[in-house]
Amino acid sequence: LGPGLALRGPDGSMHQAVDGMMLEY
C-alpha cells in the first residue's frame, strides 16, 4: 500500500506515504 499511495495518490502523497511507512515500519 505504501508504494501504491506514493505513485497513484494526489499531490503530496509521496511525503504522506513515506512518513506513514516510517511509523508503521
PDB file of all heavy atoms in Angstrom:
ATOM      1  N   LEU A   1       0.809  -1.223   0.000  1.00  0.00           N
ATOM      2  CA  LEU A   1       0.000   0.000   0.000  1.00  0.00           C
ATOM      3  C   LEU A   1       0.844   1.276   0.000  1.00  0.00           C
ATOM      4  O   LEU A   1       0.393   2.306  -0.518  1.00  0.00           O
ATOM      5  CB  LEU A   1      -0.919  -0.001   1.224  1.00  0.00           C
ATOM      6  CG  LEU A   1      -1.895  -1.178   1.318  1.00  0.00           C
ATOM      7  CD1 LEU A   1      -2.762  -1.065   2.565  1.00  0.00           C
ATOM      8  CD2 LEU A   1      -2.768  -1.247   0.074  1.00  0.00           C
ATOM      9  N   GLY A   2       2.024   1.205   0.596  1.00  0.00           N
ATOM     10  CA  GLY A   2       2.860   2.410   0.636  1.00  0.00           C
ATOM     11  C   GLY A   2       3.282   2.898  -0.746  1.00  0.00           C
ATOM     12  O   GLY A   2       3.014   4.054  -1.121  1.00  0.00           O
ATOM     13  N   PRO A   3       3.947   2.063  -1.550  1.00  0.00           N
ATOM     14  CA  PRO A   3       4.284   2.498  -2.911  1.00  0.00           C
ATOM     15  C   PRO A   3       3.066   2.828  -3.765  1.00  0.00           C
ATOM     16  O   PRO A   3       3.123   3.709  -4.638  1.00  0.00           O
ATOM     17  CB  PRO A   3       5.056   1.306  -3.481  1.00  0.00           C
ATOM     18  CG  PRO A   3       5.610   0.607  -2.283  1.00  0.00           C
ATOM     19  CD  PRO A   3       4.574   0.769  -1.225  1.00  0.00           C
ATOM     20  N   GLY A   4       1.951   2.130  -3.528  1.00  0.00           N
ATOM     21  CA  GLY A   4       0.741   2.445  -4.295  1.00  0.00           C
ATOM     22  C   GLY A   4       0.225   3.843  -3.999  1.00  0.00           C
ATOM     23  O   GLY A   4      -0.206   4.562  -4.915  1.00  0.00           O
ATOM     24  N   LEU A   5       0.250   4.246  -2.716  1.00  0.00           N
ATOM     25  CA  LEU A   5      -0.174   5.604  -2.381  1.00  0.00           C
ATOM     26  C   LEU A   5       0.775   6.638  -2.953  1.00  0.00           C
ATOM     27  O   LEU A   5       0.334   7.704  -3.435  1.00  0.00           O
ATOM     28  CB  LEU A   5      -0.244   5.737  -0.854  1.00  0.00           C
ATOM     29  CG  LEU A   5      -0.586   7.121  -0.314  1.00  0.00           C
ATOM     30  CD1 LEU A   5      -1.973   7.572  -0.778  1.00  0.00           C
ATOM     31  CD2 LEU A   5      -0.499   7.139   1.214  1.00  0.00           C
ATOM     32  N   ALA A   6       2.068   6.351  -2.934  1.00  0.00           N
ATOM     33  CA  ALA A   6       3.034   7.316  -3.461  1.00  0.00           C
ATOM     34  C   ALA A   6       2.917   7.488  -4.973  1.00  0.00           C
ATOM     35  O   ALA A   6       3.109   8.590  -5.500  1.00  0.00           O
ATOM     36  CB  ALA A   6       4.451   6.876  -3.100  1.00  0.00           C
ATOM     37  N   LEU A   7       2.573   6.441  -5.692  1.00  0.00           N
ATOM     38  CA  LEU A   7       2.505   6.509  -7.152  1.00  0.00           C
ATOM     39  C   LEU A   7       1.171   7.041  -7.658  1.00  0.00           C
ATOM     40  O   LEU A   7       1.116   7.842  -8.595  1.00  0.00           O
ATOM     41  CB  LEU A   7       2.768   5.123  -7.746  1.00  0.00           C
ATOM     42  CG  LEU A   7       4.196   4.587  -7.603  1.00  0.00           C
ATOM     43  CD1 LEU A   7       4.277   3.166  -8.137  1.00  0.00           C
ATOM     44  CD2 LEU A   7       5.194   5.486  -8.327  1.00  0.00           C
ATOM     45  N   ARG A   8       0.060   6.612  -7.044  1.00  0.00           N
ATOM     46  CA  ARG A   8      -1.262   6.941  -7.583  1.00  0.00           C
ATOM     47  C   ARG A   8      -2.032   7.943  -6.727  1.00  0.00           C
ATOM     48  O   ARG A   8      -3.185   8.230  -7.036  1.00  0.00           O
ATOM     49  CB  ARG A   8      -2.076   5.650  -7.723  1.00  0.00           C
ATOM     50  CG  ARG A   8      -1.490   4.666  -8.701  1.00  0.00           C
ATOM     51  CD  ARG A   8      -2.447   3.520  -8.955  1.00  0.00           C
ATOM     52  NE  ARG A   8      -2.671   2.744  -7.744  1.00  0.00           N
ATOM     53  CZ  ARG A   8      -1.944   1.699  -7.379  1.00  0.00           C
ATOM     54  NH1 ARG A   8      -0.935   1.302  -8.140  1.00  0.00           N
ATOM     55  NH2 ARG A   8      -2.210   1.044  -6.268  1.00  0.00           N
ATOM     56  N   GLY A   9      -1.427   8.431  -5.675  1.00  0.00           N
ATOM     57  CA  GLY A   9      -2.128   9.370  -4.807  1.00  0.00           C
ATOM     58  C   GLY A   9      -2.127  10.789  -5.368  1.00  0.00           C
ATOM     59  O   GLY A   9      -1.509  11.083  -6.399  1.00  0.00           O
ATOM     60  N   PRO A  10      -2.798  11.677  -4.678  1.00  0.00           N
ATOM     61  CA  PRO A  10      -2.824  13.082  -5.114  1.00  0.00           C
ATOM     62  C   PRO A  10      -1.481  13.764  -4.874  1.00  0.00           C
ATOM     63  O   PRO A  10      -0.509  13.150  -4.427  1.00  0.00           O
ATOM     64  CB  PRO A  10      -3.939  13.689  -4.247  1.00  0.00           C
ATOM     65  CG  PRO A  10      -3.985  12.825  -3.038  1.00  0.00           C
ATOM     66  CD  PRO A  10      -3.627  11.451  -3.489  1.00  0.00           C
ATOM     67  N   ASP A  11      -1.450  15.049  -5.137  1.00  0.00           N
ATOM     68  CA  ASP A  11      -0.220  15.818  -4.954  1.00  0.00           C
ATOM     69  C   ASP A  11       0.163  15.852  -3.475  1.00  0.00           C
ATOM     70  O   ASP A  11      -0.661  16.165  -2.607  1.00  0.00           O
ATOM     71  CB  ASP A  11      -0.417  17.241  -5.478  1.00  0.00           C
ATOM     72  CG  ASP A  11       0.887  18.005  -5.530  1.00  0.00           C
ATOM     73  OD1 ASP A  11       1.964  17.365  -5.458  1.00  0.00           O
ATOM     74  OD2 ASP A  11       0.842  19.254  -5.611  1.00  0.00           O
ATOM     75  N   GLY A  12       1.424  15.539  -3.196  1.00  0.00           N
ATOM     76  CA  GLY A  12       1.893  15.487  -1.817  1.00  0.00           C
ATOM     77  C   GLY A  12       1.742  14.122  -1.166  1.00  0.00           C
ATOM     78  O   GLY A  12       2.057  13.969   0.026  1.00  0.00           O
ATOM     79  N   SER A  13       1.267  13.139  -1.912  1.00  0.00           N
ATOM     80  CA  SER A  13       1.070  11.812  -1.321  1.00  0.00           C
ATOM     81  C   SER A  13       2.384  11.078  -1.084  1.00  0.00           C
ATOM     82  O   SER A  13       2.431  10.154  -0.263  1.00  0.00           O
ATOM     83  CB  SER A  13       0.154  10.977  -2.225  1.00  0.00           C
ATOM     84  OG  SER A  13       0.721  10.844  -3.522  1.00  0.00           O
ATOM     85  N   MET A  14       3.453  11.470  -1.784  1.00  0.00           N
ATOM     86  CA  MET A  14       4.746  10.837  -1.564  1.00  0.00           C
ATOM     87  C   MET A  14       5.221  11.061  -0.132  1.00  0.00           C
ATOM     88  O   MET A  14       5.669  10.126   0.544  1.00  0.00           O
ATOM     89  CB  MET A  14       5.774  11.380  -2.554  1.00  0.00           C
ATOM     90  CG  MET A  14       7.201  10.896  -2.308  1.00  0.00           C
ATOM     91  SD  MET A  14       7.435   9.123  -2.572  1.00  0.00           S
ATOM     92  CE  MET A  14       7.487   9.092  -4.362  1.00  0.00           C
ATOM     93  N   HIS A  15       5.118  12.276   0.357  1.00  0.00           N
ATOM     94  CA  HIS A  15       5.529  12.575   1.733  1.00  0.00           C
ATOM     95  C   HIS A  15       4.635  11.826   2.740  1.00  0.00           C
ATOM     96  O   HIS A  15       5.128  11.305   3.743  1.00  0.00           O
ATOM     97  CB  HIS A  15       5.452  14.082   1.973  1.00  0.00           C
ATOM     98  CG  HIS A  15       6.253  14.884   0.993  1.00  0.00           C
ATOM     99  ND1 HIS A  15       7.634  14.941   1.012  1.00  0.00           N
ATOM    100  CD2 HIS A  15       5.863  15.659  -0.057  1.00  0.00           C
ATOM    101  CE1 HIS A  15       8.071  15.721   0.029  1.00  0.00           C
ATOM    102  NE2 HIS A  15       7.004  16.178  -0.639  1.00  0.00           N
ATOM    103  N   GLN A  16       3.342  11.781   2.456  1.00  0.00           N
ATOM    104  CA  GLN A  16       2.430  11.076   3.349  1.00  0.00           C
ATOM    105  C   GLN A  16       2.727   9.580   3.384  1.00  0.00           C
ATOM    106  O   GLN A  16       2.699   8.956   4.460  1.00  0.00           O
ATOM    107  CB  GLN A  16       0.991  11.308   2.896  1.00  0.00           C
ATOM    108  CG  GLN A  16      -0.056  10.676   3.790  1.00  0.00           C
ATOM    109  CD  GLN A  16      -1.471  10.938   3.295  1.00  0.00           C
ATOM    110  OE1 GLN A  16      -1.661  11.625   2.274  1.00  0.00           O
ATOM    111  NE2 GLN A  16      -2.449  10.408   3.996  1.00  0.00           N
ATOM    112  N   ALA A  17       3.047   8.997   2.226  1.00  0.00           N
ATOM    113  CA  ALA A  17       3.349   7.574   2.164  1.00  0.00           C
ATOM    114  C   ALA A  17       4.647   7.244   2.906  1.00  0.00           C
ATOM    115  O   ALA A  17       4.713   6.267   3.665  1.00  0.00           O
ATOM    116  CB  ALA A  17       3.446   7.122   0.711  1.00  0.00           C
ATOM    117  N   VAL A  18       5.683   8.063   2.719  1.00  0.00           N
ATOM    118  CA  VAL A  18       6.966   7.801   3.375  1.00  0.00           C
ATOM    119  C   VAL A  18       6.848   7.971   4.884  1.00  0.00           C
ATOM    120  O   VAL A  18       7.350   7.148   5.664  1.00  0.00           O
ATOM    121  CB  VAL A  18       8.058   8.712   2.794  1.00  0.00           C
ATOM    122  CG1 VAL A  18       9.355   8.560   3.589  1.00  0.00           C
ATOM    123  CG2 VAL A  18       8.306   8.376   1.337  1.00  0.00           C
ATOM    124  N   ASP A  19       6.170   9.026   5.339  1.00  0.00           N
ATOM    125  CA  ASP A  19       6.001   9.233   6.781  1.00  0.00           C
ATOM    126  C   ASP A  19       5.178   8.118   7.419  1.00  0.00           C
ATOM    127  O   ASP A  19       5.494   7.642   8.513  1.00  0.00           O
ATOM    128  CB  ASP A  19       5.328  10.589   7.019  1.00  0.00           C
ATOM    129  CG  ASP A  19       6.211  11.757   6.582  1.00  0.00           C
ATOM    130  OD1 ASP A  19       7.446  11.564   6.503  1.00  0.00           O
ATOM    131  OD2 ASP A  19       5.659  12.847   6.305  1.00  0.00           O
ATOM    132  N   GLY A  20       4.125   7.676   6.714  1.00  0.00           N
ATOM    133  CA  GLY A  20       3.320   6.577   7.236  1.00  0.00           C
ATOM    134  C   GLY A  20       4.087   5.265   7.284  1.00  0.00           C
ATOM    135  O   GLY A  20       3.982   4.508   8.259  1.00  0.00           O
ATOM    136  N   MET A  21       4.882   5.000   6.262  1.00  0.00           N
ATOM    137  CA  MET A  21       5.675   3.775   6.261  1.00  0.00           C
ATOM    138  C   MET A  21       6.743   3.797   7.350  1.00  0.00           C
ATOM    139  O   MET A  21       7.038   2.766   7.977  1.00  0.00           O
ATOM    140  CB  MET A  21       6.339   3.581   4.889  1.00  0.00           C
ATOM    141  CG  MET A  21       5.397   3.148   3.792  1.00  0.00           C
ATOM    142  SD  MET A  21       6.264   2.632   2.303  1.00  0.00           S
ATOM    143  CE  MET A  21       7.053   1.135   2.863  1.00  0.00           C
ATOM    144  N   MET A  22       7.306   4.967   7.609  1.00  0.00           N
ATOM    145  CA  MET A  22       8.306   5.079   8.657  1.00  0.00           C
ATOM    146  C   MET A  22       7.716   4.724  10.027  1.00  0.00           C
ATOM    147  O   MET A  22       8.317   3.982  10.819  1.00  0.00           O
ATOM    148  CB  MET A  22       8.866   6.507   8.682  1.00  0.00           C
ATOM    149  CG  MET A  22      10.008   6.712   9.651  1.00  0.00           C
ATOM    150  SD  MET A  22      10.506   8.459   9.720  1.00  0.00           S
ATOM    151  CE  MET A  22      10.836   8.790   7.992  1.00  0.00           C
ATOM    152  N   LEU A  23       6.525   5.219  10.298  1.00  0.00           N
ATOM    153  CA  LEU A  23       5.877   4.949  11.576  1.00  0.00           C
ATOM    154  C   LEU A  23       5.445   3.488  11.701  1.00  0.00           C
ATOM    155  O   LEU A  23       5.709   2.829  12.722  1.00  0.00           O
ATOM    156  CB  LEU A  23       4.676   5.882  11.743  1.00  0.00           C
ATOM    157  CG  LEU A  23       3.856   5.715  13.028  1.00  0.00           C
ATOM    158  CD1 LEU A  23       4.705   6.007  14.251  1.00  0.00           C
ATOM    159  CD2 LEU A  23       2.636   6.626  12.985  1.00  0.00           C
ATOM    160  N   GLU A  24       4.805   2.974  10.679  1.00  0.00           N
ATOM    161  CA  GLU A  24       4.312   1.606  10.741  1.00  0.00           C
ATOM    162  C   GLU A  24       5.446   0.585  10.684  1.00  0.00           C
ATOM    163  O   GLU A  24       5.332  -0.507  11.260  1.00  0.00           O
ATOM    164  CB  GLU A  24       3.334   1.349   9.589  1.00  0.00           C
ATOM    165  CG  GLU A  24       2.049   2.154   9.662  1.00  0.00           C
ATOM    166  CD  GLU A  24       1.238   1.800  10.895  1.00  0.00           C
ATOM    167  OE1 GLU A  24       1.327   0.636  11.362  1.00  0.00           O
ATOM    168  OE2 GLU A  24       0.513   2.679  11.392  1.00  0.00           O
ATOM    169  N   TYR A  25       6.538   0.940  10.032  1.00  0.00           N
ATOM    170  CA  TYR A  25       7.673   0.023   9.992  1.00  0.00           C
ATOM    171  C   TYR A  25       8.280  -0.154  11.383  1.00  0.00           C
ATOM    172  O   TYR A  25       8.691  -1.256  11.757  1.00  0.00           O
ATOM    173  CB  TYR A  25       8.733   0.529   9.019  1.00  0.00           C
ATOM    174  CG  TYR A  25      10.022  -0.240   9.085  1.00  0.00           C
ATOM    175  CD1 TYR A  25      10.109  -1.526   8.548  1.00  0.00           C
ATOM    176  CD2 TYR A  25      11.150   0.312   9.700  1.00  0.00           C
ATOM    177  CE1 TYR A  25      11.294  -2.242   8.624  1.00  0.00           C
ATOM    178  CE2 TYR A  25      12.330  -0.403   9.780  1.00  0.00           C
ATOM    179  CZ  TYR A  25      12.398  -1.672   9.246  1.00  0.00           C
ATOM    180  OH  TYR A  25      13.565  -2.387   9.333  1.00  0.00           O
TER     181      TYR A  25
END
